[in-house]
Every structure is written in C-alpha cells, then in structure tokens.
Amino acid sequence: GEGTAAAYLGDDLTDEDAFQAIDGRGLAVLVRPALRPSRASLWLRPPNELLAFLERWQQAAGNARAHNE
C-alpha cells in the first residue's frame, strides 16, 4: 500500500529479475561477499552489513508503525 516500504534481498543471478521488477517501487539489495554487476541498488556483505541493515529496517518499520497508530 501507499507508504509501505518494500525490499528484495538476493544473492545470485536468479534474483536479477526480481531486482528489475522492484526497481522504482522498492529497494533491491545484493547480499554477497564480493560485488558483481547487478541490477540491485545496494550491495551488502554478509553477515555484518546484512545484520546491520536488517536491524535498521526493523527499527524504521517499528517507528513507522508507531507513527501511524
């Protein structure tokens, strides 16, 4: 819905179609140790960068939920 944030996280070539599909409507995140050409808009190295991203995403979702109540 409107105001809803979406993200697709993937790690291999089979995720490229989803990265393209979410473009302009959400965040496409490539999660892998080494960068490679990708349609993703963000690259995270696991596990530390991924865990930090997920913690921030959860905090933001909680803040948005509290704001809408």
Foldseek 3Di string as FASTA:
>chain_A
DPPDEDEDEDADPVCQVVLVVCVPPHFYEHEDQDDDDGSGPYYAYPDVRVVVVVVVVVVVVVVVVVVVD
